[in-house]
Amino acid sequence: MRAIQVVRHGGPEVLEFGTVDDPIPAPDEILVRTAAIGVNFIDTYLRRGLYPSVPPYIPGTEGAGEVVAIGSEVDSLSVGQRVCWVDAPASYAELVAVRAVRAIPVPDDVPDDVAGSAMLRGLTAHYLLDGSAHPRAGDTVLIHAGAGGVGLILTQLAKLRGLGVITTVSDDEKAALSAAAGADHVLRYSDALAEQVRSLTDGNGVRVVYDGVGADTFEQSLAASAVRGMVVLFGAASGPVPPFDLQRLNAAGSLSVTRPTLAHFIADPDELGWRAGEFLGAIADGDIDVRVGQHHQLADAAAAQRALEARATTGTTVLVPA
């Protein structure tokens, strides 16, 4: 099969397209022919060596496609069924072996490119609202990178739950996308961001800040938080947040900071099924509109990751096997 390999740690140039052996599914796995492969920031962190990885390896953990073979112990899925996944290694490939308990059936009304690129972001948005923090109807939240893949989905889910939403973006095009997703106020990144947020919240600040940007926004996230507010740091698009004195949280208003990861909120298959079912159901019902902003051929994975790291993307990014 054709696949992408990370041949050493480094920039996007270390991604090489070539031919490798087909995977053989274990007894508890299925073999899927990919129709769409999601591109995510974690792929770049692993490629750069920020997270542990041992080259050479096939990157990627998310995708969607058709089951072409099933292991001897699998009785919950069948050949020909459409499935998606968020945690199957070696997904930048034409064929992927997926543990059956981690495969998520895809409703007929959800297209492959959405299922293959939106589940990781959608599940992330789901646990951010109902897991890492629990804002209640009437609360106002701040979402950084409001036009990004998580930001657009998180905004829509937040509005469905009756929350006020303030987002940050970097340009007019992204501002329009964020507003179309339902954001009540769309702001630009600036040193005056916290002051602007407080002016929109009667001086109080927001109940929760969802910060997937990291180093560039963290200080403003703290400053924009209400007394007893929470900053949910779930990514580091601009780099990791430097260590800081926890005593600062006291003086800032008894704030809380958490650094969750999706894996801990979908480890249980039943919880994965619940979160995935709610998210895919919302898409199928038309309550959530997922924007697939970029399509690339599998061979062009380096260009896809380069654009993602440059924060030059909107919505989700898909690799399509040629």
C-alpha atoms as a PDB file:
ATOM      1  CA  MET A   1       0.000   0.000   0.000  1.00  0.00           C
ATOM      2  CA  ARG A   2       0.989   3.653  -0.278  1.00  0.00           C
ATOM      3  CA  ALA A   3       1.628   5.574   2.909  1.00  0.00           C
ATOM      4  CA  ILE A   4       3.458   8.477   4.487  1.00  0.00           C
ATOM      5  CA  GLN A   5       6.406   7.807   6.786  1.00  0.00           C
ATOM      6  CA  VAL A   6       8.216  10.049   9.279  1.00  0.00           C
ATOM      7  CA  VAL A   7      11.825   9.121   8.586  1.00  0.00           C
ATOM      8  CA  ARG A   8      13.338  11.273  11.357  1.00  0.00           C
ATOM      9  CA  HIS A   9      12.221  14.001  13.745  1.00  0.00           C
ATOM     10  CA  GLY A  10      12.035  17.452  12.191  1.00  0.00           C
ATOM     11  CA  GLY A  11       9.974  19.727   9.991  1.00  0.00           C
ATOM     12  CA  PRO A  12       7.397  18.732   7.368  1.00  0.00           C
ATOM     13  CA  GLU A  13      10.207  17.788   4.995  1.00  0.00           C
ATOM     14  CA  VAL A  14      10.770  14.552   6.974  1.00  0.00           C
ATOM     15  CA  LEU A  15       7.432  13.201   5.701  1.00  0.00           C
ATOM     16  CA  GLU A  16       8.100  10.779   2.840  1.00  0.00           C
ATOM     17  CA  PHE A  17       5.532   9.192   0.529  1.00  0.00           C
ATOM     18  CA  GLY A  18       6.154   5.636  -0.589  1.00  0.00           C
ATOM     19  CA  THR A  19       5.097   2.000  -0.552  1.00  0.00           C
ATOM     20  CA  VAL A  20       5.032  -0.195   2.553  1.00  0.00           C
ATOM     21  CA  ASP A  21       3.656  -3.625   3.439  1.00  0.00           C
ATOM     22  CA  ASP A  22      -0.094  -3.898   3.972  1.00  0.00           C
ATOM     23  CA  PRO A  23      -1.110  -4.212   7.646  1.00  0.00           C
ATOM     24  CA  ILE A  24      -2.488  -7.555   8.809  1.00  0.00           C
ATOM     25  CA  PRO A  25      -5.383  -7.165  11.261  1.00  0.00           C
ATOM     26  CA  ALA A  26      -5.072  -8.905  14.624  1.00  0.00           C
ATOM     27  CA  PRO A  27      -7.965 -11.094  15.813  1.00  0.00           C
ATOM     28  CA  ASP A  28      -9.586  -8.105  17.575  1.00  0.00           C
ATOM     29  CA  GLU A  29      -9.026  -5.659  14.706  1.00  0.00           C
ATOM     30  CA  ILE A  30     -10.609  -4.682  11.418  1.00  0.00           C
ATOM     31  CA  LEU A  31      -8.837  -3.631   8.234  1.00  0.00           C
ATOM     32  CA  VAL A  32     -10.169  -0.428   6.667  1.00  0.00           C
ATOM     33  CA  ARG A  33      -9.522   1.057   3.241  1.00  0.00           C
ATOM     34  CA  THR A  34      -9.280   4.758   3.967  1.00  0.00           C
ATOM     35  CA  ALA A  35     -11.450   7.301   2.177  1.00  0.00           C
ATOM     36  CA  ALA A  36     -10.402  10.314   4.274  1.00  0.00           C
ATOM     37  CA  ILE A  37      -7.581  10.873   6.782  1.00  0.00           C
ATOM     38  CA  GLY A  38      -7.576  13.631   9.387  1.00  0.00           C
ATOM     39  CA  VAL A  39      -4.578  15.926   9.901  1.00  0.00           C
ATOM     40  CA  ASN A  40      -4.138  17.150  13.480  1.00  0.00           C
ATOM     41  CA  PHE A  41      -1.673  19.122  15.570  1.00  0.00           C
ATOM     42  CA  ILE A  42      -0.703  16.026  17.537  1.00  0.00           C
ATOM     43  CA  ASP A  43       0.705  14.635  14.282  1.00  0.00           C
ATOM     44  CA  THR A  44       3.093  17.593  14.123  1.00  0.00           C
ATOM     45  CA  TYR A  45       4.063  17.310  17.796  1.00  0.00           C
ATOM     46  CA  LEU A  46       5.028  13.663  17.277  1.00  0.00           C
ATOM     47  CA  ARG A  47       6.851  14.442  14.038  1.00  0.00           C
ATOM     48  CA  ARG A  48       8.927  17.117  15.754  1.00  0.00           C
ATOM     49  CA  GLY A  49       9.707  14.861  18.716  1.00  0.00           C
ATOM     50  CA  LEU A  50       7.811  17.003  21.239  1.00  0.00           C
ATOM     51  CA  TYR A  51       5.854  13.874  22.119  1.00  0.00           C
ATOM     52  CA  PRO A  52       7.593  10.471  22.233  1.00  0.00           C
ATOM     53  CA  SER A  53       7.861   8.701  18.866  1.00  0.00           C
ATOM     54  CA  VAL A  54      10.440   6.463  17.217  1.00  0.00           C
ATOM     55  CA  PRO A  55      11.046   6.993  13.465  1.00  0.00           C
ATOM     56  CA  PRO A  56      10.538   5.561  10.985  1.00  0.00           C
ATOM     57  CA  TYR A  57       6.798   5.288  11.505  1.00  0.00           C
ATOM     58  CA  ILE A  58       3.525   6.015   9.709  1.00  0.00           C
ATOM     59  CA  PRO A  59       1.870   9.061  11.356  1.00  0.00           C
ATOM     60  CA  GLY A  60      -1.779   9.839  11.929  1.00  0.00           C
ATOM     61  CA  THR A  61      -4.475   8.519  14.246  1.00  0.00           C
ATOM     62  CA  GLU A  62      -7.763   9.619  12.620  1.00  0.00           C
ATOM     63  CA  GLY A  63      -9.674   8.633   9.516  1.00  0.00           C
ATOM     64  CA  ALA A  64     -12.705   7.062   7.920  1.00  0.00           C
ATOM     65  CA  GLY A  65     -13.305   4.399   5.321  1.00  0.00           C
ATOM     66  CA  GLU A  66     -14.802   1.037   4.459  1.00  0.00           C
ATOM     67  CA  VAL A  67     -14.155  -2.205   6.317  1.00  0.00           C
ATOM     68  CA  VAL A  68     -12.458  -4.693   3.956  1.00  0.00           C
ATOM     69  CA  ALA A  69     -11.533  -7.460   6.429  1.00  0.00           C
ATOM     70  CA  ILE A  70     -12.316  -8.418  10.015  1.00  0.00           C
ATOM     71  CA  GLY A  71     -10.345 -10.319  12.634  1.00  0.00           C
ATOM     72  CA  SER A  72     -11.462 -13.718  13.870  1.00  0.00           C
ATOM     73  CA  GLU A  73     -12.727 -12.315  17.200  1.00  0.00           C
ATOM     74  CA  VAL A  74     -14.769  -9.452  15.727  1.00  0.00           C
ATOM     75  CA  ASP A  75     -18.535  -9.880  15.575  1.00  0.00           C
ATOM     76  CA  SER A  76     -19.707  -6.265  16.026  1.00  0.00           C
ATOM     77  CA  LEU A  77     -18.769  -5.021  12.545  1.00  0.00           C
ATOM     78  CA  SER A  78     -18.948  -6.351   9.005  1.00  0.00           C
ATOM     79  CA  VAL A  79     -17.151  -6.051   5.675  1.00  0.00           C
ATOM     80  CA  GLY A  80     -18.504  -3.130   3.664  1.00  0.00           C
ATOM     81  CA  GLN A  81     -19.484  -1.068   6.711  1.00  0.00           C
ATOM     82  CA  ARG A  82     -18.373   2.572   6.957  1.00  0.00           C
ATOM     83  CA  VAL A  83     -16.467   3.431  10.130  1.00  0.00           C
ATOM     84  CA  CYS A  84     -14.287   6.194  11.526  1.00  0.00           C
ATOM     85  CA  TRP A  85     -11.722   6.352  14.318  1.00  0.00           C
ATOM     86  CA  VAL A  86      -9.577   8.784  16.288  1.00  0.00           C
ATOM     87  CA  ASP A  87      -6.912   6.626  17.915  1.00  0.00           C
ATOM     88  CA  ALA A  88      -5.639   4.075  15.394  1.00  0.00           C
ATOM     89  CA  PRO A  89      -1.904   4.503  14.755  1.00  0.00           C
ATOM     90  CA  ALA A  90      -0.471   4.595  11.219  1.00  0.00           C
ATOM     91  CA  SER A  91      -3.516   6.277   9.661  1.00  0.00           C
ATOM     92  CA  TYR A  92      -1.657   8.217   6.925  1.00  0.00           C
ATOM     93  CA  ALA A  93      -2.062   5.192   4.664  1.00  0.00           C
ATOM     94  CA  GLU A  94      -4.371   3.494   2.187  1.00  0.00           C
ATOM     95  CA  LEU A  95      -5.094   0.666   4.638  1.00  0.00           C
ATOM     96  CA  VAL A  96      -5.358   0.943   8.433  1.00  0.00           C
ATOM     97  CA  ALA A  97      -5.781  -1.717  11.104  1.00  0.00           C
ATOM     98  CA  VAL A  98      -8.244  -0.464  13.743  1.00  0.00           C
ATOM     99  CA  ARG A  99      -9.216  -2.159  17.003  1.00  0.00           C
ATOM    100  CA  ALA A 100     -12.862  -3.055  16.601  1.00  0.00           C
ATOM    101  CA  VAL A 101     -13.831  -1.553  19.973  1.00  0.00           C
ATOM    102  CA  ARG A 102     -12.374   1.788  18.824  1.00  0.00           C
ATOM    103  CA  ALA A 103     -14.150   1.838  15.438  1.00  0.00           C
ATOM    104  CA  ILE A 104     -17.186   4.124  15.272  1.00  0.00           C
ATOM    105  CA  PRO A 105     -19.987   3.350  12.775  1.00  0.00           C
ATOM    106  CA  VAL A 106     -20.703   6.330  10.495  1.00  0.00           C
ATOM    107  CA  PRO A 107     -24.327   7.358   9.823  1.00  0.00           C
ATOM    108  CA  ASP A 108     -25.364   7.453   6.165  1.00  0.00           C
ATOM    109  CA  ASP A 109     -25.941  11.216   6.342  1.00  0.00           C
ATOM    110  CA  VAL A 110     -22.338  11.983   7.387  1.00  0.00           C
ATOM    111  CA  PRO A 111     -19.840  12.151   4.462  1.00  0.00           C
ATOM    112  CA  ASP A 112     -16.429  10.488   4.597  1.00  0.00           C
ATOM    113  CA  ASP A 113     -14.410  13.708   4.665  1.00  0.00           C
ATOM    114  CA  VAL A 114     -16.371  14.962   7.688  1.00  0.00           C
ATOM    115  CA  ALA A 115     -16.218  11.649   9.553  1.00  0.00           C
ATOM    116  CA  GLY A 116     -12.537  11.244   8.739  1.00  0.00           C
ATOM    117  CA  SER A 117     -11.396  14.675   9.861  1.00  0.00           C
ATOM    118  CA  ALA A 118     -13.884  15.950  12.435  1.00  0.00           C
ATOM    119  CA  MET A 119     -14.173  13.216  15.043  1.00  0.00           C
ATOM    120  CA  LEU A 120     -11.023  14.078  16.988  1.00  0.00           C
ATOM    121  CA  ARG A 121     -12.032  17.736  17.039  1.00  0.00           C
ATOM    122  CA  GLY A 122     -15.662  16.917  17.757  1.00  0.00           C
ATOM    123  CA  LEU A 123     -14.854  14.575  20.618  1.00  0.00           C
ATOM    124  CA  THR A 124     -12.441  17.178  21.951  1.00  0.00           C
ATOM    125  CA  ALA A 125     -15.145  19.846  21.868  1.00  0.00           C
ATOM    126  CA  HIS A 126     -17.554  17.432  23.560  1.00  0.00           C
ATOM    127  CA  TYR A 127     -15.277  16.659  26.510  1.00  0.00           C
ATOM    128  CA  LEU A 128     -14.237  20.307  26.847  1.00  0.00           C
ATOM    129  CA  LEU A 129     -17.866  21.224  27.488  1.00  0.00           C
ATOM    130  CA  ASP A 130     -18.819  18.114  29.419  1.00  0.00           C
ATOM    131  CA  GLY A 131     -15.763  16.696  31.129  1.00  0.00           C
ATOM    132  CA  SER A 132     -12.828  19.037  31.663  1.00  0.00           C
ATOM    133  CA  ALA A 133     -15.193  21.881  32.589  1.00  0.00           C
ATOM    134  CA  HIS A 134     -18.933  22.152  33.094  1.00  0.00           C
ATOM    135  CA  PRO A 135     -20.199  25.619  32.111  1.00  0.00           C
ATOM    136  CA  ARG A 136     -23.908  26.069  32.627  1.00  0.00           C
ATOM    137  CA  ALA A 137     -26.526  27.711  30.424  1.00  0.00           C
ATOM    138  CA  GLY A 138     -26.155  31.475  30.753  1.00  0.00           C
ATOM    139  CA  ASP A 139     -22.386  31.368  31.373  1.00  0.00           C
ATOM    140  CA  THR A 140     -20.024  33.056  28.929  1.00  0.00           C
ATOM    141  CA  VAL A 141     -16.910  31.291  27.647  1.00  0.00           C
ATOM    142  CA  LEU A 142     -13.896  32.450  25.651  1.00  0.00           C
ATOM    143  CA  ILE A 143     -12.671  30.214  22.808  1.00  0.00           C
ATOM    144  CA  HIS A 144      -9.284  30.941  21.268  1.00  0.00           C
ATOM    145  CA  ALA A 145      -8.758  30.090  17.592  1.00  0.00           C
ATOM    146  CA  GLY A 146     -12.473  30.354  16.985  1.00  0.00           C
ATOM    147  CA  ALA A 147     -12.145  29.585  13.260  1.00  0.00           C
ATOM    148  CA  GLY A 148     -10.038  26.480  13.773  1.00  0.00           C
ATOM    149  CA  GLY A 149     -11.303  22.930  13.589  1.00  0.00           C
ATOM    150  CA  VAL A 150     -12.041  22.640  17.307  1.00  0.00           C
ATOM    151  CA  GLY A 151     -13.099  26.262  17.646  1.00  0.00           C
ATOM    152  CA  LEU A 152     -15.870  26.116  15.051  1.00  0.00           C
ATOM    153  CA  ILE A 153     -17.323  22.909  16.494  1.00  0.00           C
ATOM    154  CA  LEU A 154     -16.920  24.027  20.103  1.00  0.00           C
ATOM    155  CA  THR A 155     -18.704  27.303  19.349  1.00  0.00           C
ATOM    156  CA  GLN A 156     -21.694  25.480  17.855  1.00  0.00           C
ATOM    157  CA  LEU A 157     -21.916  22.984  20.707  1.00  0.00           C
ATOM    158  CA  ALA A 158     -21.630  25.810  23.253  1.00  0.00           C
ATOM    159  CA  LYS A 159     -24.473  27.737  21.643  1.00  0.00           C
ATOM    160  CA  LEU A 160     -26.631  24.592  21.598  1.00  0.00           C
ATOM    161  CA  ARG A 161     -26.105  24.442  25.371  1.00  0.00           C
ATOM    162  CA  GLY A 162     -27.166  28.043  25.925  1.00  0.00           C
ATOM    163  CA  LEU A 163     -23.731  29.573  26.524  1.00  0.00           C
ATOM    164  CA  GLY A 164     -22.508  33.004  25.544  1.00  0.00           C
ATOM    165  CA  VAL A 165     -19.438  32.696  23.304  1.00  0.00           C
ATOM    166  CA  ILE A 166     -16.555  35.083  22.707  1.00  0.00           C
ATOM    167  CA  THR A 167     -13.891  33.945  20.240  1.00  0.00           C
ATOM    168  CA  THR A 168     -10.500  35.125  19.054  1.00  0.00           C
ATOM    169  CA  VAL A 169      -9.259  35.027  15.456  1.00  0.00           C
ATOM    170  CA  SER A 170      -6.410  36.498  13.429  1.00  0.00           C
ATOM    171  CA  ASP A 171      -8.067  37.985  10.319  1.00  0.00           C
ATOM    172  CA  ASP A 172     -11.330  39.048   8.675  1.00  0.00           C
ATOM    173  CA  GLU A 173     -11.946  35.764   6.865  1.00  0.00           C
ATOM    174  CA  LYS A 174     -11.653  33.816  10.100  1.00  0.00           C
ATOM    175  CA  ALA A 175     -13.808  36.364  11.881  1.00  0.00           C
ATOM    176  CA  ALA A 176     -16.589  35.765   9.375  1.00  0.00           C
ATOM    177  CA  LEU A 177     -16.341  31.999   9.830  1.00  0.00           C
ATOM    178  CA  SER A 178     -16.448  32.280  13.603  1.00  0.00           C
ATOM    179  CA  ALA A 179     -19.449  34.590  13.516  1.00  0.00           C
ATOM    180  CA  ALA A 180     -21.235  32.222  11.133  1.00  0.00           C
ATOM    181  CA  ALA A 181     -20.677  29.404  13.642  1.00  0.00           C
ATOM    182  CA  GLY A 182     -22.622  31.420  16.207  1.00  0.00           C
ATOM    183  CA  ALA A 183     -20.043  33.378  18.201  1.00  0.00           C
ATOM    184  CA  ASP A 184     -21.652  36.330  19.973  1.00  0.00           C
ATOM    185  CA  HIS A 185     -18.465  38.400  19.820  1.00  0.00           C
ATOM    186  CA  VAL A 186     -15.362  37.856  17.686  1.00  0.00           C
ATOM    187  CA  LEU A 187     -12.134  39.556  18.784  1.00  0.00           C
ATOM    188  CA  ARG A 188      -8.604  39.816  17.392  1.00  0.00           C
ATOM    189  CA  TYR A 189      -5.597  38.601  19.335  1.00  0.00           C
ATOM    190  CA  SER A 190      -4.034  41.580  21.122  1.00  0.00           C
ATOM    191  CA  ASP A 191      -2.437  42.690  24.358  1.00  0.00           C
ATOM    192  CA  ALA A 192      -5.772  44.338  25.197  1.00  0.00           C
ATOM    193  CA  LEU A 193      -7.767  41.134  24.756  1.00  0.00           C
ATOM    194  CA  ALA A 194      -8.561  40.603  28.432  1.00  0.00           C
ATOM    195  CA  GLU A 195      -9.745  44.197  28.761  1.00  0.00           C
ATOM    196  CA  GLN A 196     -12.044  43.723  25.763  1.00  0.00           C
ATOM    197  CA  VAL A 197     -13.435  40.497  27.204  1.00  0.00           C
ATOM    198  CA  ARG A 198     -14.163  42.162  30.530  1.00  0.00           C
ATOM    199  CA  SER A 199     -15.902  45.054  28.780  1.00  0.00           C
ATOM    200  CA  LEU A 200     -18.214  42.499  27.138  1.00  0.00           C
ATOM    201  CA  THR A 201     -18.968  40.761  30.441  1.00  0.00           C
ATOM    202  CA  ASP A 202     -19.786  43.742  32.693  1.00  0.00           C
ATOM    203  CA  GLY A 203     -16.243  43.665  34.017  1.00  0.00           C
ATOM    204  CA  ASN A 204     -16.566  40.114  35.326  1.00  0.00           C
ATOM    205  CA  GLY A 205     -14.590  38.044  32.842  1.00  0.00           C
ATOM    206  CA  VAL A 206     -15.615  34.630  31.504  1.00  0.00           C
ATOM    207  CA  ARG A 207     -16.452  31.465  33.397  1.00  0.00           C
ATOM    208  CA  VAL A 208     -14.227  29.254  31.204  1.00  0.00           C
ATOM    209  CA  VAL A 209     -11.432  29.963  28.718  1.00  0.00           C
ATOM    210  CA  TYR A 210     -10.717  27.256  26.148  1.00  0.00           C
ATOM    211  CA  ASP A 211      -7.115  27.765  25.077  1.00  0.00           C
ATOM    212  CA  GLY A 212      -5.649  25.557  22.369  1.00  0.00           C
ATOM    213  CA  VAL A 213      -3.068  28.157  21.302  1.00  0.00           C
ATOM    214  CA  GLY A 214      -0.812  28.050  24.356  1.00  0.00           C
ATOM    215  CA  ALA A 215       2.202  30.307  24.796  1.00  0.00           C
ATOM    216  CA  ASP A 216       0.868  33.317  22.865  1.00  0.00           C
ATOM    217  CA  THR A 217      -2.520  33.477  24.611  1.00  0.00           C
ATOM    218  CA  PHE A 218      -2.135  31.950  28.074  1.00  0.00           C
ATOM    219  CA  GLU A 219      -1.480  35.182  29.975  1.00  0.00           C
ATOM    220  CA  GLN A 220      -4.506  36.842  28.368  1.00  0.00           C
ATOM    221  CA  SER A 221      -6.547  33.724  29.177  1.00  0.00           C
ATOM    222  CA  LEU A 222      -5.765  34.116  32.870  1.00  0.00           C
ATOM    223  CA  ALA A 223      -6.489  37.843  32.792  1.00  0.00           C
ATOM    224  CA  ALA A 224      -9.842  37.317  31.036  1.00  0.00           C
ATOM    225  CA  SER A 225     -11.121  34.785  33.595  1.00  0.00           C
ATOM    226  CA  ALA A 226     -13.802  35.566  36.155  1.00  0.00           C
ATOM    227  CA  VAL A 227     -13.288  34.978  39.863  1.00  0.00           C
ATOM    228  CA  ARG A 228     -13.289  31.193  40.366  1.00  0.00           C
ATOM    229  CA  GLY A 229     -13.030  30.811  36.612  1.00  0.00           C
ATOM    230  CA  MET A 230     -11.164  28.059  34.788  1.00  0.00           C
ATOM    231  CA  VAL A 231      -8.624  28.014  31.970  1.00  0.00           C
ATOM    232  CA  VAL A 232      -8.722  24.777  29.992  1.00  0.00           C
ATOM    233  CA  LEU A 233      -5.385  24.492  28.203  1.00  0.00           C
ATOM    234  CA  PHE A 234      -5.887  21.780  25.604  1.00  0.00           C
ATOM    235  CA  GLY A 235      -3.245  22.544  22.971  1.00  0.00           C
ATOM    236  CA  ALA A 236      -0.079  24.436  22.140  1.00  0.00           C
ATOM    237  CA  ALA A 237      -0.381  25.704  18.578  1.00  0.00           C
ATOM    238  CA  SER A 238       2.001  28.576  19.375  1.00  0.00           C
ATOM    239  CA  GLY A 239       4.246  26.524  21.661  1.00  0.00           C
ATOM    240  CA  PRO A 240       4.022  25.174  25.214  1.00  0.00           C
ATOM    241  CA  VAL A 241       3.185  27.421  28.148  1.00  0.00           C
ATOM    242  CA  PRO A 242       6.286  28.074  30.289  1.00  0.00           C
ATOM    243  CA  PRO A 243       6.187  26.925  33.916  1.00  0.00           C
ATOM    244  CA  PHE A 244       4.579  29.488  36.215  1.00  0.00           C
ATOM    245  CA  ASP A 245       3.964  30.024  39.920  1.00  0.00           C
ATOM    246  CA  LEU A 246       0.671  28.432  40.956  1.00  0.00           C
ATOM    247  CA  GLN A 247       0.331  31.044  43.688  1.00  0.00           C
ATOM    248  CA  ARG A 248      -0.604  33.499  40.925  1.00  0.00           C
ATOM    249  CA  LEU A 249      -3.956  31.718  40.593  1.00  0.00           C
ATOM    250  CA  ASN A 250      -4.860  32.830  44.102  1.00  0.00           C
ATOM    251  CA  ALA A 251      -4.349  36.536  43.486  1.00  0.00           C
ATOM    252  CA  ALA A 252      -5.994  36.319  40.051  1.00  0.00           C
ATOM    253  CA  GLY A 253      -9.303  35.240  41.595  1.00  0.00           C
ATOM    254  CA  SER A 254      -8.930  31.665  42.872  1.00  0.00           C
ATOM    255  CA  LEU A 255      -8.613  30.464  39.290  1.00  0.00           C
ATOM    256  CA  SER A 256      -8.251  26.876  38.138  1.00  0.00           C
ATOM    257  CA  VAL A 257      -6.087  25.675  35.262  1.00  0.00           C
ATOM    258  CA  THR A 258      -6.378  22.199  33.765  1.00  0.00           C
ATOM    259  CA  ARG A 259      -4.421  20.480  30.997  1.00  0.00           C
ATOM    260  CA  PRO A 260      -6.630  17.603  29.812  1.00  0.00           C
ATOM    261  CA  THR A 261      -6.120  15.191  26.942  1.00  0.00           C
ATOM    262  CA  LEU A 262      -8.811  13.474  24.887  1.00  0.00           C
ATOM    263  CA  ALA A 263      -7.486   9.965  25.528  1.00  0.00           C
ATOM    264  CA  HIS A 264      -8.604  10.070  29.163  1.00  0.00           C
ATOM    265  CA  PHE A 265     -12.163  10.992  28.171  1.00  0.00           C
ATOM    266  CA  ILE A 266     -12.670   8.230  25.588  1.00  0.00           C
ATOM    267  CA  ALA A 267     -10.630   5.398  27.141  1.00  0.00           C
ATOM    268  CA  ASP A 268     -13.808   3.577  28.134  1.00  0.00           C
ATOM    269  CA  PRO A 269     -15.561   2.197  25.011  1.00  0.00           C
ATOM    270  CA  ASP A 270     -18.969   3.125  26.395  1.00  0.00           C
ATOM    271  CA  GLU A 271     -17.893   6.724  26.966  1.00  0.00           C
ATOM    272  CA  LEU A 272     -16.390   6.828  23.465  1.00  0.00           C
ATOM    273  CA  GLY A 273     -19.665   5.529  22.055  1.00  0.00           C
ATOM    274  CA  TRP A 274     -21.711   8.085  23.977  1.00  0.00           C
ATOM    275  CA  ARG A 275     -19.588  11.064  22.967  1.00  0.00           C
ATOM    276  CA  ALA A 276     -19.225   9.940  19.352  1.00  0.00           C
ATOM    277  CA  GLY A 277     -22.909   9.125  19.055  1.00  0.00           C
ATOM    278  CA  GLU A 278     -23.965  12.547  20.308  1.00  0.00           C
ATOM    279  CA  PHE A 279     -21.545  14.341  17.994  1.00  0.00           C
ATOM    280  CA  LEU A 280     -22.297  12.326  14.841  1.00  0.00           C
ATOM    281  CA  GLY A 281     -25.997  12.537  15.614  1.00  0.00           C
ATOM    282  CA  ALA A 282     -25.796  16.322  15.823  1.00  0.00           C
ATOM    283  CA  ILE A 283     -24.109  16.401  12.400  1.00  0.00           C
ATOM    284  CA  ALA A 284     -26.646  14.037  10.866  1.00  0.00           C
ATOM    285  CA  ASP A 285     -29.523  16.105  12.316  1.00  0.00           C
ATOM    286  CA  GLY A 286     -28.072  19.346  10.946  1.00  0.00           C
ATOM    287  CA  ASP A 287     -27.430  20.856  14.391  1.00  0.00           C
ATOM    288  CA  ILE A 288     -23.670  20.992  13.770  1.00  0.00           C
ATOM    289  CA  ASP A 289     -22.096  22.105  10.501  1.00  0.00           C
ATOM    290  CA  VAL A 290     -18.549  20.831  10.074  1.00  0.00           C
ATOM    291  CA  ARG A 291     -16.380  22.850   7.715  1.00  0.00           C
ATOM    292  CA  VAL A 292     -13.793  20.778   5.868  1.00  0.00           C
ATOM    293  CA  GLY A 293     -11.500  23.608   4.915  1.00  0.00           C
ATOM    294  CA  GLN A 294      -8.699  21.817   3.093  1.00  0.00           C
ATOM    295  CA  HIS A 295      -8.372  18.674   0.969  1.00  0.00           C
ATOM    296  CA  HIS A 296      -4.902  17.346   0.073  1.00  0.00           C
ATOM    297  CA  GLN A 297      -3.737  14.220  -1.664  1.00  0.00           C
ATOM    298  CA  LEU A 298      -2.035  11.757   0.672  1.00  0.00           C
ATOM    299  CA  ALA A 299       1.264  12.403  -1.102  1.00  0.00           C
ATOM    300  CA  ASP A 300       0.995  16.078  -0.131  1.00  0.00           C
ATOM    301  CA  ALA A 301       0.892  15.461   3.624  1.00  0.00           C
ATOM    302  CA  ALA A 302       3.902  17.730   4.163  1.00  0.00           C
ATOM    303  CA  ALA A 303       2.036  20.685   2.645  1.00  0.00           C
ATOM    304  CA  ALA A 304      -1.005  19.915   4.785  1.00  0.00           C
ATOM    305  CA  GLN A 305       1.028  19.874   8.001  1.00  0.00           C
ATOM    306  CA  ARG A 306       2.975  22.982   6.993  1.00  0.00           C
ATOM    307  CA  ALA A 307      -0.253  24.947   6.533  1.00  0.00           C
ATOM    308  CA  LEU A 308      -1.609  23.682   9.849  1.00  0.00           C
ATOM    309  CA  GLU A 309       1.511  24.743  11.753  1.00  0.00           C
ATOM    310  CA  ALA A 310       1.411  28.155  10.082  1.00  0.00           C
ATOM    311  CA  ARG A 311      -2.173  28.559  11.352  1.00  0.00           C
ATOM    312  CA  ALA A 312      -3.170  29.099   7.734  1.00  0.00           C
ATOM    313  CA  THR A 313      -6.100  26.684   7.830  1.00  0.00           C
ATOM    314  CA  THR A 314      -9.771  26.917   8.702  1.00  0.00           C
ATOM    315  CA  GLY A 315     -11.993  24.074   9.792  1.00  0.00           C
ATOM    316  CA  THR A 316     -10.603  20.568   9.323  1.00  0.00           C
ATOM    317  CA  THR A 317      -7.909  19.252   6.982  1.00  0.00           C
ATOM    318  CA  VAL A 318      -8.275  15.991   5.040  1.00  0.00           C
ATOM    319  CA  LEU A 319      -5.798  13.770   3.238  1.00  0.00           C
ATOM    320  CA  VAL A 320      -7.362  11.792   0.388  1.00  0.00           C
ATOM    321  CA  PRO A 321      -5.643   8.609  -0.829  1.00  0.00           C
ATOM    322  CA  ALA A 322      -4.950   8.924  -4.553  1.00  0.00           C
END
